[in-house]
N, C-alpha and C. Protein backbone atom coordinates (compact mmCIF):
# COMPACT_ATOMS: atom_id res chain seq x y z
N MET A 1 -14.65 -15.14 -42.59
CA MET A 1 -13.59 -14.19 -42.85
C MET A 1 -12.92 -14.45 -44.20
N GLY A 2 -12.86 -15.73 -44.62
CA GLY A 2 -12.23 -16.05 -45.88
C GLY A 2 -12.90 -15.40 -47.07
N GLU A 3 -14.24 -15.32 -47.06
CA GLU A 3 -14.97 -14.71 -48.17
C GLU A 3 -14.61 -13.23 -48.30
N ALA A 4 -14.49 -12.54 -47.20
CA ALA A 4 -14.14 -11.11 -47.24
C ALA A 4 -12.77 -10.91 -47.87
N LYS A 5 -11.84 -11.79 -47.58
CA LYS A 5 -10.51 -11.68 -48.17
C LYS A 5 -10.55 -11.90 -49.68
N ARG A 6 -11.40 -12.81 -50.13
CA ARG A 6 -11.51 -13.06 -51.57
C ARG A 6 -12.11 -11.89 -52.33
N ARG A 7 -12.98 -11.13 -51.66
CA ARG A 7 -13.62 -10.00 -52.33
C ARG A 7 -12.70 -8.79 -52.45
N GLY A 8 -11.61 -8.78 -51.72
CA GLY A 8 -10.67 -7.67 -51.77
C GLY A 8 -10.94 -6.67 -50.67
N SER A 9 -10.09 -5.64 -50.63
CA SER A 9 -10.23 -4.60 -49.62
C SER A 9 -11.43 -3.72 -49.95
N ARG A 10 -11.81 -2.90 -48.99
CA ARG A 10 -12.95 -2.00 -49.20
C ARG A 10 -12.70 -1.08 -50.38
N SER A 11 -11.49 -0.52 -50.47
CA SER A 11 -11.18 0.39 -51.58
C SER A 11 -11.24 -0.33 -52.92
N GLN A 12 -10.83 -1.59 -52.97
CA GLN A 12 -10.91 -2.36 -54.21
C GLN A 12 -12.37 -2.61 -54.60
N ARG A 13 -13.22 -2.92 -53.61
CA ARG A 13 -14.63 -3.17 -53.90
C ARG A 13 -15.33 -1.89 -54.35
N VAL A 14 -14.98 -0.75 -53.73
CA VAL A 14 -15.57 0.53 -54.14
C VAL A 14 -15.16 0.86 -55.57
N ALA A 15 -13.89 0.65 -55.90
CA ALA A 15 -13.41 0.92 -57.26
C ALA A 15 -14.11 0.03 -58.27
N ALA A 16 -14.32 -1.24 -57.93
CA ALA A 16 -15.00 -2.15 -58.85
C ALA A 16 -16.46 -1.74 -59.04
N ALA A 17 -17.11 -1.31 -57.97
CA ALA A 17 -18.51 -0.88 -58.08
C ALA A 17 -18.61 0.39 -58.92
N ALA A 18 -17.65 1.28 -58.79
CA ALA A 18 -17.69 2.54 -59.56
C ALA A 18 -17.59 2.28 -61.05
N THR A 19 -16.88 1.24 -61.45
CA THR A 19 -16.77 0.95 -62.89
C THR A 19 -18.06 0.36 -63.44
N ALA A 20 -18.93 -0.13 -62.56
CA ALA A 20 -20.20 -0.72 -63.01
C ALA A 20 -21.26 0.34 -63.29
N ILE A 21 -21.03 1.57 -62.87
CA ILE A 21 -21.98 2.66 -63.09
C ILE A 21 -21.80 3.18 -64.51
N PRO A 22 -22.83 3.19 -65.33
CA PRO A 22 -22.67 3.66 -66.71
C PRO A 22 -22.40 5.16 -66.76
N ALA A 23 -21.66 5.56 -67.77
CA ALA A 23 -21.36 6.98 -67.97
C ALA A 23 -22.64 7.72 -68.36
N PRO A 24 -22.78 8.97 -67.93
CA PRO A 24 -23.99 9.74 -68.26
C PRO A 24 -24.26 9.81 -69.76
N ASP A 25 -23.21 9.96 -70.58
CA ASP A 25 -23.41 10.03 -72.03
C ASP A 25 -23.97 8.72 -72.57
N ALA A 26 -23.51 7.59 -72.03
CA ALA A 26 -24.01 6.29 -72.48
C ALA A 26 -25.48 6.12 -72.13
N VAL A 27 -25.86 6.56 -70.93
CA VAL A 27 -27.27 6.48 -70.53
C VAL A 27 -28.13 7.36 -71.42
N ARG A 28 -27.68 8.58 -71.64
CA ARG A 28 -28.43 9.52 -72.48
C ARG A 28 -28.63 8.94 -73.89
N ASP A 29 -27.57 8.39 -74.45
CA ASP A 29 -27.66 7.84 -75.80
C ASP A 29 -28.56 6.60 -75.86
N SER A 30 -28.48 5.74 -74.84
CA SER A 30 -29.29 4.51 -74.86
C SER A 30 -30.78 4.81 -74.70
N VAL A 31 -31.11 5.89 -74.00
CA VAL A 31 -32.51 6.25 -73.80
C VAL A 31 -33.04 7.07 -74.97
N GLY A 32 -32.12 7.72 -75.70
CA GLY A 32 -32.53 8.50 -76.85
C GLY A 32 -32.75 9.98 -76.57
N PHE A 33 -32.20 10.47 -75.45
CA PHE A 33 -32.31 11.90 -75.15
C PHE A 33 -31.39 12.69 -76.06
N PRO A 34 -31.73 13.93 -76.38
CA PRO A 34 -30.85 14.74 -77.23
C PRO A 34 -29.55 15.11 -76.49
N GLU A 35 -28.52 15.46 -77.26
CA GLU A 35 -27.23 15.81 -76.66
C GLU A 35 -27.30 17.07 -75.81
N SER A 36 -28.34 17.86 -75.98
CA SER A 36 -28.47 19.10 -75.19
C SER A 36 -28.88 18.83 -73.74
N CYS A 37 -29.30 17.59 -73.44
CA CYS A 37 -29.68 17.25 -72.06
C CYS A 37 -28.45 17.32 -71.17
N ARG A 38 -28.65 17.86 -69.97
CA ARG A 38 -27.55 17.98 -69.01
C ARG A 38 -27.76 16.99 -67.88
N PHE A 39 -26.73 16.21 -67.59
CA PHE A 39 -26.78 15.23 -66.51
C PHE A 39 -26.54 15.94 -65.19
N ILE A 40 -27.44 15.72 -64.21
CA ILE A 40 -27.25 16.35 -62.90
C ILE A 40 -27.10 15.34 -61.77
N GLY A 41 -27.27 14.04 -62.03
CA GLY A 41 -27.04 13.04 -61.00
C GLY A 41 -27.95 11.84 -61.15
N TYR A 42 -27.74 10.87 -60.29
CA TYR A 42 -28.55 9.66 -60.25
C TYR A 42 -29.54 9.75 -59.10
N VAL A 43 -30.68 9.13 -59.25
CA VAL A 43 -31.65 9.01 -58.17
C VAL A 43 -31.93 7.53 -57.99
N VAL A 44 -31.91 7.06 -56.75
CA VAL A 44 -32.15 5.65 -56.44
C VAL A 44 -33.63 5.46 -56.11
N HIS A 45 -34.29 4.54 -56.84
CA HIS A 45 -35.71 4.27 -56.63
C HIS A 45 -35.86 2.92 -55.94
N LEU A 46 -36.67 2.87 -54.89
CA LEU A 46 -36.99 1.62 -54.20
C LEU A 46 -38.41 1.23 -54.63
N PRO A 47 -38.54 0.32 -55.61
CA PRO A 47 -39.86 0.02 -56.18
C PRO A 47 -40.85 -0.61 -55.21
N ASN A 48 -40.39 -1.41 -54.27
CA ASN A 48 -41.32 -2.08 -53.35
C ASN A 48 -42.09 -1.07 -52.49
N SER A 49 -41.43 -0.02 -52.06
CA SER A 49 -42.10 0.99 -51.23
C SER A 49 -42.40 2.26 -52.02
N ASP A 50 -42.00 2.30 -53.30
CA ASP A 50 -42.18 3.46 -54.17
C ASP A 50 -41.64 4.73 -53.51
N GLU A 51 -40.41 4.62 -53.00
CA GLU A 51 -39.72 5.75 -52.40
C GLU A 51 -38.40 5.98 -53.12
N PHE A 52 -37.79 7.10 -52.85
CA PHE A 52 -36.53 7.47 -53.48
C PHE A 52 -35.53 7.84 -52.39
N LEU A 53 -34.30 7.38 -52.54
CA LEU A 53 -33.27 7.68 -51.56
C LEU A 53 -32.90 9.15 -51.65
N ALA A 54 -33.08 9.88 -50.56
CA ALA A 54 -32.82 11.31 -50.55
C ALA A 54 -31.48 11.64 -49.90
N GLY A 55 -30.94 10.74 -49.13
CA GLY A 55 -29.67 11.00 -48.49
C GLY A 55 -29.21 9.81 -47.69
N ALA A 56 -27.90 9.74 -47.49
CA ALA A 56 -27.33 8.67 -46.67
C ALA A 56 -26.05 9.19 -46.05
N SER A 57 -25.82 8.80 -44.82
CA SER A 57 -24.59 9.19 -44.15
C SER A 57 -24.16 8.07 -43.21
N GLU A 58 -22.89 8.09 -42.86
CA GLU A 58 -22.34 7.11 -41.92
C GLU A 58 -21.70 7.89 -40.78
N PRO A 59 -22.51 8.26 -39.76
CA PRO A 59 -21.98 9.09 -38.68
C PRO A 59 -20.90 8.40 -37.85
N GLN A 60 -20.94 7.09 -37.81
CA GLN A 60 -19.89 6.31 -37.15
C GLN A 60 -19.79 4.97 -37.84
N PRO A 61 -18.66 4.31 -37.75
CA PRO A 61 -18.49 3.02 -38.44
C PRO A 61 -19.58 2.03 -38.08
N GLY A 62 -20.17 1.44 -39.10
CA GLY A 62 -21.20 0.43 -38.90
C GLY A 62 -22.61 0.97 -38.76
N VAL A 63 -22.76 2.29 -38.75
CA VAL A 63 -24.08 2.90 -38.62
C VAL A 63 -24.36 3.72 -39.88
N VAL A 64 -25.42 3.36 -40.60
CA VAL A 64 -25.78 4.09 -41.82
C VAL A 64 -27.17 4.69 -41.62
N LEU A 65 -27.27 6.00 -41.80
CA LEU A 65 -28.56 6.68 -41.72
C LEU A 65 -29.02 7.00 -43.13
N ARG A 66 -30.27 6.65 -43.44
CA ARG A 66 -30.82 6.91 -44.77
C ARG A 66 -32.06 7.77 -44.64
N GLN A 67 -32.24 8.67 -45.60
CA GLN A 67 -33.44 9.51 -45.68
C GLN A 67 -34.13 9.19 -46.99
N TYR A 68 -35.47 9.14 -46.94
CA TYR A 68 -36.24 8.79 -48.13
C TYR A 68 -37.19 9.93 -48.49
N ALA A 69 -37.52 10.03 -49.78
CA ALA A 69 -38.44 11.04 -50.27
C ALA A 69 -39.53 10.36 -51.09
N ALA A 70 -40.67 11.03 -51.20
CA ALA A 70 -41.82 10.46 -51.91
C ALA A 70 -41.72 10.63 -53.42
N THR A 71 -40.93 11.61 -53.89
CA THR A 71 -40.83 11.85 -55.33
C THR A 71 -39.37 11.99 -55.73
N PRO A 72 -39.04 11.72 -57.00
CA PRO A 72 -37.65 11.87 -57.43
C PRO A 72 -37.17 13.31 -57.33
N GLY A 73 -38.07 14.26 -57.54
CA GLY A 73 -37.68 15.65 -57.43
C GLY A 73 -37.23 16.03 -56.03
N LEU A 74 -37.93 15.53 -55.03
CA LEU A 74 -37.53 15.79 -53.65
C LEU A 74 -36.22 15.09 -53.33
N ALA A 75 -36.03 13.89 -53.85
CA ALA A 75 -34.78 13.17 -53.60
C ALA A 75 -33.61 13.88 -54.23
N SER A 76 -33.76 14.37 -55.45
CA SER A 76 -32.64 14.99 -56.14
C SER A 76 -32.26 16.34 -55.54
N THR A 77 -33.21 17.04 -54.92
CA THR A 77 -32.87 18.33 -54.33
C THR A 77 -32.16 18.17 -53.00
N ARG A 78 -32.29 17.01 -52.35
CA ARG A 78 -31.65 16.78 -51.05
C ARG A 78 -30.28 16.17 -51.20
N CYS A 79 -30.00 15.52 -52.34
CA CYS A 79 -28.70 14.87 -52.54
C CYS A 79 -27.69 15.84 -53.13
N ARG A 80 -26.44 15.49 -52.95
CA ARG A 80 -25.35 16.29 -53.48
C ARG A 80 -25.33 16.16 -54.99
N ARG A 81 -25.22 17.27 -55.67
CA ARG A 81 -25.13 17.24 -57.15
C ARG A 81 -23.73 16.83 -57.57
N LEU A 82 -23.66 16.06 -58.68
CA LEU A 82 -22.36 15.60 -59.18
C LEU A 82 -21.73 16.63 -60.07
């Protein structure tokens, strides 16, 4: 229990994780894409199984349901656009 207290509350951990996500403009610039490219979201790739996260939900506390897709295109069409 002591370790959980040191990490902070759930909202504090979520806020800290959100700051670790790079801004779309920074990603575009680091990869060298032109400014005309439009950011539509992130896709999570699982390299060991070569799958892509297509959706996730928490229907009740402690239960997480995940859906996977075979291609990034299928994953991006099933996820919520930012």
